[in-house]
Amino acid sequence: MRAVSVVTVLVVCLASIPGRGQDANALDITRLSRELDETRRQLAESQKQVQQLRQDVDELRQQLRGLQLPAEATTVAAADQDPSFLAAKIAELHQDKVESTSKYPVRVSGLVLFNSYVNRGSVSAADVPVLAFPRSPGIPNGSIGATVSQTLLGISVKGPVVLGARTSADASIDFSGGNPPVSYGVTAGLIRLRTANAHIDWSNTSLKIGQDAPFFSPLSPTSYATVAEPSFSWAGNLWVWTPQVEVEHRIALNTDSSLTFQGGLLDPLTEESASFQFRSPSAGELSRVPAIAGRVAWARHSASTFPFTLGLGGYRARQQYGSFPDLNSWTVNADFDANISTFIEVSGEWYRGQAVGGLGGGIWMSVIYPNSAPPYSGIHALRSTGGWAQLKVRPTQQWEFNGAIGQDENDGKDLRFFPTAYASYGFSPFQKNAARFVNAIYRPRAS
């Protein structure tokens, strides 16, 4: 009986050992399962966070696109209101980015402009007429033709920030520099520099150095027919692209209006034709005194009212003709640009001056002589008055209609100063020149 009892106890003890090992393995599996579930939960949560980040990035991209589009539309609208018409139209064209060696952004722009024309009567230039002459018997009085010489090319670059100011530069050329005296030269227009400027811009002050339209006469009528020379260039528009240094300062009067003060020095150009190869000083440059000019303008730019700008300016220079005493050249200028409704705009300029042929005034004449060729026995400065006005109607964003009239007139008293008066090169002086135009412009919507 004892033997049997011992065996029974041993069997029970041995049988209990495998049961404890199974319990330990079950605990390990349960713990691992819980850890795996926790890992899966954390992974799922991470995936949700990644998905949310992706959604946030997509929303941010959409917001950035939404901000860029209005900015571009605002830029185009502002460019269209810019007084410098040709620079504004070039800015609206498609522009390609190129890379410069300095790594600063460079933009190239252009306008391929095809003009066809029909002339009646005798004019100064068939493709861009600025003067009309009396009809002469036996001489053809009319012409037709076409040209692409008013095609434009432009380049602009944004430079570094210097002394807290943004720097930039731009230049433009066309192919209206004349026609080479060769076969088919009439269609081989020579490249010509129009404008070139360097800009230094602080928040309220700007410095510009280069060649541009006179800053005291900032506007020009809107026309694609006369791009080589702005419209009314001999009929009341002082436009000649002149080397100059200009300082501009802007003062905000309140949230709706501002004052702009401009002043600078200009090359005192006169209207003599340049020699082909070497530059000879003009009568203004022979005075050895730079021209000085200034302008003050008040602008209203409230969101609740229509924009309006009114400017007053002046110019003064000296001119030296041979052994004669120096003559004074001067102007008093006014300009305005007003939107009188959401789709109607009126603008214009006026001037009164003396000896301003070098600026495009006086029908391109500054002085008269009593004899047709040198040596001249006398000289007299011409006073003149001119101006222009334009009505612009924009029924839609794509269409605009323009009508304008301009006139320049030399004082009759000055023209009668000599019994017989002659302008430069023996031409008879003009007393009055008037011009007008009507046009329609369609701009396709940008893609």
Protein backbone atom coordinates (compact mmCIF):
# COMPACT_ATOMS: atom_id res chain seq x y z
CA MET A 1 0.00 0.00 0.00
CA ARG A 2 2.81 2.53 0.70
CA ALA A 3 4.40 1.89 -2.60
CA VAL A 4 1.20 2.60 -4.39
CA SER A 5 0.73 5.91 -2.55
CA VAL A 6 4.18 7.17 -3.42
CA VAL A 7 3.71 6.42 -7.04
CA THR A 8 0.42 8.22 -7.06
CA VAL A 9 1.92 11.37 -5.52
CA LEU A 10 4.79 11.41 -8.00
CA VAL A 11 2.39 11.04 -10.90
CA VAL A 12 0.31 13.94 -9.62
CA CYS A 13 3.39 16.13 -9.15
CA LEU A 14 4.77 15.28 -12.56
CA ALA A 15 1.43 15.93 -14.15
CA SER A 16 1.27 19.40 -12.58
CA ILE A 17 4.56 20.62 -14.12
CA PRO A 18 3.34 20.81 -17.81
CA GLY A 19 0.24 22.79 -16.70
CA ARG A 20 2.29 25.65 -15.22
CA GLY A 21 4.36 26.03 -18.50
CA GLN A 22 1.18 26.38 -20.55
CA ASP A 23 -0.08 29.17 -18.27
CA ALA A 24 3.16 31.18 -18.73
CA ASN A 25 3.02 30.88 -22.54
CA ALA A 26 -0.57 32.06 -22.57
CA LEU A 27 0.39 35.17 -20.58
CA ASP A 28 3.19 36.02 -23.05
CA ILE A 29 0.88 35.65 -26.04
CA THR A 30 -1.73 37.88 -24.42
CA ARG A 31 0.87 40.57 -23.67
CA LEU A 32 2.25 40.44 -27.21
CA SER A 33 -1.24 40.66 -28.64
CA ARG A 34 -1.97 43.76 -26.57
CA GLU A 35 1.31 45.38 -27.71
CA LEU A 36 0.56 44.55 -31.35
CA ASP A 37 -2.90 46.07 -31.04
CA GLU A 38 -1.37 49.19 -29.50
CA THR A 39 1.15 49.39 -32.33
CA ARG A 40 -1.61 49.01 -34.89
CA ARG A 41 -3.60 51.76 -33.20
CA GLN A 42 -0.60 54.10 -33.17
CA LEU A 43 0.10 53.35 -36.83
CA ALA A 44 -3.49 54.06 -37.76
CA GLU A 45 -3.35 57.33 -35.86
CA SER A 46 -0.11 58.28 -37.64
CA GLN A 47 -1.72 57.53 -40.98
CA LYS A 48 -4.62 59.81 -40.07
CA GLN A 49 -2.19 62.58 -39.15
CA VAL A 50 -0.32 62.18 -42.45
CA GLN A 51 -3.60 62.31 -44.35
CA GLN A 52 -4.61 65.45 -42.46
CA LEU A 53 -1.26 67.06 -43.27
CA ARG A 54 -1.78 66.28 -46.93
CA GLN A 55 -5.20 67.87 -46.84
CA ASP A 56 -3.78 70.95 -45.12
CA VAL A 57 -1.06 71.27 -47.77
CA ASP A 58 -3.62 70.94 -50.57
CA GLU A 59 -5.80 73.61 -48.97
CA LEU A 60 -2.77 75.89 -48.59
CA ARG A 61 -1.92 75.44 -52.26
CA GLN A 62 -5.48 76.33 -53.23
CA GLN A 63 -5.32 79.46 -51.08
CA LEU A 64 -2.01 80.50 -52.67
CA ARG A 65 -3.45 80.03 -56.15
CA GLY A 66 -6.43 82.14 -55.16
CA LEU A 67 -4.15 84.89 -53.91
CA GLN A 68 -1.93 84.89 -57.01
CA LEU A 69 -4.73 85.22 -59.53
CA PRO A 70 -6.20 88.47 -58.10
CA ALA A 71 -2.69 89.85 -57.73
CA GLU A 72 -2.02 89.23 -61.39
CA ALA A 73 -5.37 90.74 -62.37
CA THR A 74 -4.64 93.78 -60.21
CA THR A 75 -1.22 94.15 -61.83
CA VAL A 76 -2.72 94.12 -65.32
CA ALA A 77 -5.40 96.63 -64.33
CA ALA A 78 -2.79 98.91 -62.77
CA ALA A 79 -0.58 98.60 -65.85
CA ASP A 80 -3.50 99.64 -68.07
CA GLN A 81 -3.93 102.81 -66.00
CA ASP A 82 -0.23 103.69 -66.17
CA PRO A 83 0.43 106.96 -67.97
CA SER A 84 3.31 105.44 -69.90
CA PHE A 85 1.06 103.67 -72.42
CA LEU A 86 3.67 101.73 -74.32
CA ALA A 87 5.34 100.32 -71.18
CA ALA A 88 1.93 99.21 -69.93
CA LYS A 89 1.04 97.41 -73.15
CA ILE A 90 4.37 95.60 -73.26
CA ALA A 91 3.86 94.46 -69.64
CA GLU A 92 0.54 92.85 -70.63
CA LEU A 93 2.20 90.61 -73.21
CA HIS A 94 3.43 87.09 -72.63
CA GLN A 95 6.77 87.16 -70.88
CA ASP A 96 9.42 84.45 -70.69
CA LYS A 97 11.89 84.18 -67.85
CA VAL A 98 15.57 83.94 -68.69
CA GLU A 99 18.52 83.38 -66.43
CA SER A 100 21.21 85.98 -65.88
CA THR A 101 24.79 85.34 -64.81
CA SER A 102 24.08 87.28 -61.62
CA LYS A 103 21.07 85.02 -60.86
CA TYR A 104 18.73 88.01 -60.64
CA PRO A 105 15.36 87.51 -62.37
CA VAL A 106 15.22 88.80 -65.93
CA ARG A 107 12.07 89.16 -68.05
CA VAL A 108 11.96 89.59 -71.80
CA SER A 109 8.84 91.06 -73.40
CA GLY A 110 7.80 91.97 -76.91
CA LEU A 111 5.06 93.11 -79.23
CA VAL A 112 4.98 92.11 -82.88
CA LEU A 113 3.00 95.00 -84.37
CA PHE A 114 1.69 94.94 -87.95
CA ASN A 115 0.32 98.26 -89.23
CA SER A 116 -1.40 98.85 -92.56
CA TYR A 117 -2.41 102.33 -93.69
CA VAL A 118 -4.16 104.40 -96.33
CA ASN A 119 -3.16 108.05 -96.75
CA ARG A 120 -4.98 110.82 -98.61
CA GLY A 121 -3.07 113.95 -99.41
CA SER A 122 0.60 114.69 -98.79
CA VAL A 123 2.05 113.72 -95.39
CA SER A 124 5.44 113.86 -93.70
CA ALA A 125 5.90 110.07 -93.36
CA ALA A 126 3.69 107.45 -94.96
CA ASP A 127 3.73 104.91 -92.10
CA VAL A 128 3.60 107.32 -89.13
CA PRO A 129 2.42 110.72 -90.44
CA VAL A 130 2.71 113.71 -88.13
CA LEU A 131 2.30 116.59 -90.60
CA ALA A 132 -0.03 117.17 -93.56
CA PHE A 133 0.99 119.42 -96.44
CA PRO A 134 -1.02 121.22 -99.13
CA ARG A 135 -1.67 119.17 -102.22
CA SER A 136 0.63 119.97 -105.13
CA PRO A 137 -0.36 119.65 -108.80
CA GLY A 138 1.34 116.80 -110.60
CA ILE A 139 2.42 115.06 -107.37
CA PRO A 140 0.58 111.91 -106.19
CA ASN A 141 -1.59 112.74 -103.21
CA GLY A 142 -2.11 109.47 -101.41
CA SER A 143 -0.57 106.10 -100.65
CA ILE A 144 -1.15 102.70 -99.11
CA GLY A 145 1.28 100.39 -97.38
CA ALA A 146 2.11 98.22 -94.40
CA THR A 147 4.95 97.98 -91.89
CA VAL A 148 6.17 95.97 -88.92
CA SER A 149 8.89 98.47 -87.98
CA GLN A 150 6.93 99.51 -84.87
CA THR A 151 7.53 96.07 -83.37
CA LEU A 152 8.80 96.39 -79.79
CA LEU A 153 11.28 94.43 -77.68
CA GLY A 154 11.83 95.00 -73.97
CA ILE A 155 13.88 93.61 -71.10
CA SER A 156 13.63 94.19 -67.35
CA VAL A 157 15.63 92.89 -64.41
CA LYS A 158 15.11 92.98 -60.65
CA GLY A 159 18.29 93.65 -58.73
CA PRO A 160 19.36 93.36 -55.10
CA VAL A 161 18.11 95.36 -52.13
CA VAL A 162 20.54 98.25 -51.54
CA LEU A 163 20.30 100.46 -48.45
CA GLY A 164 16.77 99.22 -47.91
CA ALA A 165 15.70 100.04 -51.48
CA ARG A 166 14.59 97.72 -54.27
CA THR A 167 16.64 98.05 -57.45
CA SER A 168 15.55 97.29 -61.00
CA ALA A 169 16.27 98.25 -64.59
CA ASP A 170 14.50 98.13 -67.94
CA ALA A 171 15.09 98.98 -71.59
CA SER A 172 13.07 98.93 -74.81
CA ILE A 173 13.88 99.09 -78.51
CA ASP A 174 12.01 99.14 -81.80
CA PHE A 175 12.87 99.01 -85.50
CA SER A 176 11.97 102.60 -86.40
CA GLY A 177 15.51 103.94 -86.53
CA GLY A 178 15.32 104.59 -90.26
CA ASN A 179 15.67 102.58 -93.43
CA PRO A 180 19.04 101.53 -94.83
CA PRO A 181 19.77 102.92 -98.34
CA VAL A 182 19.89 99.48 -99.95
CA SER A 183 17.59 97.37 -102.09
CA TYR A 184 14.40 96.56 -100.17
CA GLY A 185 15.65 98.77 -97.35
CA VAL A 186 12.14 100.12 -96.85
CA THR A 187 11.23 96.89 -95.04
CA ALA A 188 14.53 96.56 -93.13
CA GLY A 189 13.96 98.97 -90.28
CA LEU A 190 17.03 99.79 -88.19
CA ILE A 191 17.06 99.02 -84.46
CA ARG A 192 16.56 102.09 -82.29
CA LEU A 193 16.84 102.66 -78.56
CA ARG A 194 13.61 104.02 -77.07
CA THR A 195 13.94 104.02 -73.28
CA ALA A 196 16.41 102.67 -70.73
CA ASN A 197 16.15 103.24 -66.98
CA ALA A 198 17.63 102.19 -63.66
CA HIS A 199 15.31 102.40 -60.63
CA ILE A 200 16.01 102.63 -56.90
CA ASP A 201 12.76 102.47 -54.92
CA TRP A 202 12.20 102.98 -51.21
CA SER A 203 8.75 102.88 -49.66
CA ASN A 204 8.03 106.58 -50.29
CA THR A 205 10.96 107.79 -52.38
CA SER A 206 12.27 106.73 -55.79
CA LEU A 207 15.32 107.58 -57.86
CA LYS A 208 15.32 106.99 -61.63
CA ILE A 209 18.29 107.44 -63.93
CA GLY A 210 18.08 106.84 -67.66
CA GLN A 211 16.18 107.87 -70.77
CA ASP A 212 12.40 108.21 -70.81
CA ALA A 213 9.55 110.58 -71.60
CA PRO A 214 9.80 113.85 -69.62
CA PHE A 215 8.52 113.12 -66.12
CA PHE A 216 6.75 116.50 -66.02
CA SER A 217 4.68 115.44 -69.06
CA PRO A 218 3.84 111.83 -68.15
CA LEU A 219 0.80 110.96 -70.30
CA SER A 220 0.25 110.02 -73.95
CA PRO A 221 -2.90 109.12 -75.90
CA THR A 222 -3.78 105.47 -76.51
CA SER A 223 -3.08 104.25 -80.03
CA TYR A 224 -1.37 101.32 -81.74
CA ALA A 225 -1.16 103.27 -85.02
CA THR A 226 1.60 105.57 -83.75
CA VAL A 227 4.00 103.62 -81.56
CA ALA A 228 7.28 104.75 -83.15
CA GLU A 229 6.32 108.21 -81.90
CA PRO A 230 3.44 108.65 -79.44
CA SER A 231 0.22 110.10 -80.82
CA PHE A 232 0.12 113.89 -81.27
CA SER A 233 3.91 114.02 -81.11
CA TRP A 234 3.81 117.21 -83.24
CA ALA A 235 0.36 118.28 -82.08
CA GLY A 236 0.53 119.19 -78.41
CA ASN A 237 2.23 116.15 -76.82
CA LEU A 238 5.62 116.77 -75.15
CA TRP A 239 7.01 113.25 -75.35
CA VAL A 240 10.64 113.10 -76.53
CA TRP A 241 12.59 110.34 -74.75
CA THR A 242 15.24 112.34 -72.93
CA PRO A 243 18.25 111.40 -70.75
CA GLN A 244 17.34 112.49 -67.23
CA VAL A 245 17.79 111.99 -63.49
CA GLU A 246 14.57 112.13 -61.48
CA VAL A 247 13.77 112.00 -57.77
CA GLU A 248 10.20 111.29 -56.67
CA HIS A 249 8.74 111.50 -53.16
CA ARG A 250 5.23 110.41 -52.19
CA ILE A 251 3.25 111.62 -49.19
CA ALA A 252 0.02 109.94 -48.09
CA LEU A 253 -2.45 112.63 -47.05
CA ASN A 254 -4.90 110.02 -45.80
CA THR A 255 -6.09 106.57 -46.80
CA ASP A 256 -7.76 107.97 -49.93
CA SER A 257 -5.33 110.52 -51.39
CA SER A 258 -1.66 111.35 -51.78
CA LEU A 259 0.75 114.00 -53.02
CA THR A 260 3.69 113.27 -55.31
CA PHE A 261 6.68 115.59 -55.70
CA GLN A 262 9.06 115.10 -58.63
CA GLY A 263 12.21 116.97 -59.56
CA GLY A 264 15.24 116.36 -61.69
CA LEU A 265 17.79 117.32 -64.31
CA LEU A 266 17.46 116.63 -68.04
CA ASP A 267 19.60 116.83 -71.14
CA PRO A 268 18.56 120.20 -72.71
CA LEU A 269 17.82 118.72 -76.14
CA THR A 270 16.88 120.80 -79.16
CA GLU A 271 15.46 119.61 -82.46
CA GLU A 272 18.57 119.54 -84.69
CA SER A 273 19.01 116.31 -86.62
CA ALA A 274 21.91 114.18 -85.46
CA SER A 275 24.87 113.27 -87.63
CA PHE A 276 25.10 109.63 -88.69
CA GLN A 277 28.27 108.58 -86.88
CA PHE A 278 29.44 111.25 -84.45
CA ARG A 279 27.37 113.15 -81.90
CA SER A 280 27.46 116.92 -82.16
CA PRO A 281 26.14 119.00 -79.25
CA SER A 282 22.73 120.55 -79.72
CA ALA A 283 21.99 124.20 -79.01
CA GLY A 284 20.80 123.30 -75.53
CA GLU A 285 23.90 121.25 -74.78
CA LEU A 286 26.14 124.08 -76.01
CA SER A 287 24.82 126.20 -73.13
CA ARG A 288 26.67 123.85 -70.74
CA VAL A 289 23.73 124.08 -68.31
CA PRO A 290 21.40 121.09 -67.71
CA ALA A 291 17.67 121.56 -67.92
CA ILE A 292 15.75 121.51 -64.65
CA ALA A 293 12.13 120.44 -64.19
CA GLY A 294 9.60 119.65 -61.50
CA ARG A 295 6.07 118.37 -61.02
CA VAL A 296 3.59 118.05 -58.17
CA ALA A 297 0.54 115.82 -58.43
CA TRP A 298 -2.46 115.10 -56.25
CA ALA A 299 -4.09 111.69 -56.62
CA ARG A 300 -7.30 110.25 -55.21
CA HIS A 301 -7.44 106.47 -55.10
CA SER A 302 -10.30 105.60 -52.78
CA ALA A 303 -12.08 102.29 -53.22
CA SER A 304 -15.44 104.07 -52.84
CA THR A 305 -14.75 106.83 -55.40
CA PHE A 306 -13.26 106.88 -58.88
CA PRO A 307 -9.49 107.47 -59.28
CA PHE A 308 -8.40 110.97 -60.21
CA THR A 309 -4.95 112.54 -60.75
CA LEU A 310 -4.09 116.19 -61.35
CA GLY A 311 -0.51 117.31 -61.97
CA LEU A 312 1.23 120.67 -62.46
CA GLY A 313 4.80 120.97 -63.70
CA GLY A 314 7.42 123.16 -65.28
CA TYR A 315 10.68 123.05 -67.24
CA ARG A 316 13.55 125.48 -67.78
CA ALA A 317 16.69 125.33 -69.91
CA ARG A 318 19.04 127.54 -71.89
CA GLN A 319 20.01 127.36 -75.57
CA GLN A 320 23.06 128.77 -77.34
CA TYR A 321 23.01 129.47 -81.10
CA GLY A 322 26.33 130.61 -82.50
CA SER A 323 27.33 134.11 -81.45
CA PHE A 324 23.81 135.11 -80.40
CA PRO A 325 22.97 135.58 -76.71
CA ASP A 326 21.58 132.55 -74.92
CA LEU A 327 17.84 131.99 -75.22
CA ASN A 328 15.55 130.74 -72.49
CA SER A 329 13.53 127.57 -72.99
CA TRP A 330 10.64 126.97 -70.59
CA THR A 331 7.24 125.34 -70.17
CA VAL A 332 4.34 125.38 -67.75
CA ASN A 333 2.48 122.05 -67.80
CA ALA A 334 -0.76 120.53 -66.56
CA ASP A 335 -2.01 116.95 -66.80
CA PHE A 336 -5.07 115.08 -65.59
CA ASP A 337 -6.45 111.54 -65.62
CA ALA A 338 -9.95 110.92 -64.25
CA ASN A 339 -12.30 107.94 -64.16
CA ILE A 340 -15.80 109.41 -64.16
CA SER A 341 -17.55 106.01 -64.04
CA THR A 342 -16.68 102.34 -63.98
CA PHE A 343 -16.12 102.33 -67.75
CA ILE A 344 -15.40 105.95 -68.79
CA GLU A 345 -12.04 107.70 -68.41
CA VAL A 346 -10.89 111.12 -69.57
CA SER A 347 -7.27 112.31 -69.68
CA GLY A 348 -5.15 115.00 -71.25
CA GLU A 349 -2.28 117.46 -71.07
CA TRP A 350 -1.72 121.16 -71.71
CA TYR A 351 1.39 123.30 -71.95
CA ARG A 352 2.50 126.85 -72.58
CA GLY A 353 6.17 127.37 -73.42
CA GLN A 354 9.00 128.86 -75.40
CA ALA A 355 11.68 127.21 -77.55
CA VAL A 356 10.49 123.67 -76.82
CA GLY A 357 11.08 121.97 -80.16
CA GLY A 358 13.48 119.55 -78.46
CA LEU A 359 10.62 118.24 -76.31
CA GLY A 360 8.24 117.81 -79.27
CA GLY A 361 6.50 121.17 -78.84
CA GLY A 362 6.23 124.17 -81.11
CA ILE A 363 5.56 121.82 -84.05
CA TRP A 364 9.18 120.71 -83.67
CA MET A 365 10.55 124.27 -83.81
CA SER A 366 12.34 126.35 -81.18
CA VAL A 367 13.57 129.43 -83.06
CA ILE A 368 13.19 131.28 -86.37
CA TYR A 369 15.68 133.21 -88.50
CA PRO A 370 15.34 136.12 -90.97
CA ASN A 371 17.29 134.27 -93.68
CA SER A 372 17.15 130.70 -94.93
CA ALA A 373 20.80 129.67 -94.52
CA PRO A 374 23.72 130.56 -92.27
CA PRO A 375 25.31 132.83 -91.42
CA TYR A 376 22.09 134.04 -89.83
CA SER A 377 21.63 137.74 -89.23
CA GLY A 378 19.19 137.34 -86.35
CA ILE A 379 17.29 134.87 -84.22
CA HIS A 380 14.02 134.83 -82.28
CA ALA A 381 12.58 132.24 -79.86
CA LEU A 382 9.12 130.86 -80.62
CA ARG A 383 6.42 130.74 -77.98
CA SER A 384 3.80 128.04 -78.38
CA THR A 385 0.72 126.56 -76.75
CA GLY A 386 -0.51 123.00 -77.13
CA GLY A 387 -2.32 120.10 -75.59
CA TRP A 388 -4.54 117.12 -76.14
CA ALA A 389 -7.55 115.38 -74.58
CA GLN A 390 -8.80 111.79 -74.79
CA LEU A 391 -12.04 109.98 -73.98
CA LYS A 392 -11.73 106.26 -73.23
CA VAL A 393 -14.72 103.90 -72.94
CA ARG A 394 -14.31 100.35 -71.60
CA PRO A 395 -17.65 98.51 -71.90
CA THR A 396 -15.95 95.17 -71.07
CA GLN A 397 -12.55 93.99 -69.89
CA GLN A 398 -11.61 93.02 -73.44
CA TRP A 399 -12.85 96.05 -75.39
CA GLU A 400 -11.97 99.73 -75.23
CA PHE A 401 -12.82 102.65 -77.52
CA ASN A 402 -10.73 105.81 -77.69
CA GLY A 403 -11.27 109.22 -79.22
CA ALA A 404 -8.75 112.05 -78.94
CA ILE A 405 -7.85 115.45 -80.35
CA GLY A 406 -4.60 117.40 -80.10
CA GLN A 407 -3.21 120.71 -81.30
CA ASP A 408 0.01 122.73 -81.18
CA GLU A 409 0.20 126.37 -82.19
CA ASN A 410 3.05 128.86 -82.45
CA ASP A 411 2.31 132.47 -81.60
CA GLY A 412 1.50 134.52 -84.69
CA LYS A 413 3.27 137.54 -83.20
CA ASP A 414 6.53 135.61 -82.99
CA LEU A 415 6.15 134.27 -86.53
CA ARG A 416 5.80 137.87 -87.76
CA PHE A 417 8.86 139.08 -85.84
CA PHE A 418 10.84 139.03 -89.12
CA PRO A 419 9.38 140.11 -92.47
CA THR A 420 10.13 136.63 -93.74
CA ALA A 421 10.76 133.90 -91.20
CA TYR A 422 12.60 130.61 -91.65
CA ALA A 423 12.97 127.63 -89.37
CA SER A 424 16.05 125.40 -89.27
CA TYR A 425 17.33 124.12 -92.62
CA GLY A 426 15.44 126.83 -94.53
CA PHE A 427 11.92 125.49 -93.98
CA SER A 428 9.00 127.83 -93.56
CA PRO A 429 7.68 127.69 -89.99
CA PHE A 430 4.25 126.28 -89.22
CA GLN A 431 1.75 128.17 -87.13
CA LYS A 432 -0.71 125.40 -86.26
CA ASN A 433 -0.85 121.60 -86.43
CA ALA A 434 -3.92 119.62 -85.31
CA ALA A 435 -4.62 115.89 -85.21
CA ARG A 436 -7.40 113.58 -84.08
CA PHE A 437 -8.15 109.87 -84.04
CA VAL A 438 -10.75 107.28 -83.11
CA ASN A 439 -9.84 103.64 -82.47
CA ALA A 440 -11.12 100.39 -81.02
CA ILE A 441 -8.84 97.95 -79.18
CA TYR A 442 -9.65 94.34 -78.37
CA ARG A 443 -7.54 92.40 -75.87
CA PRO A 444 -8.08 88.61 -75.79
CA ARG A 445 -8.45 87.21 -72.32
CA ALA A 446 -5.23 85.70 -71.00
CA SER A 447 -5.26 81.91 -70.82
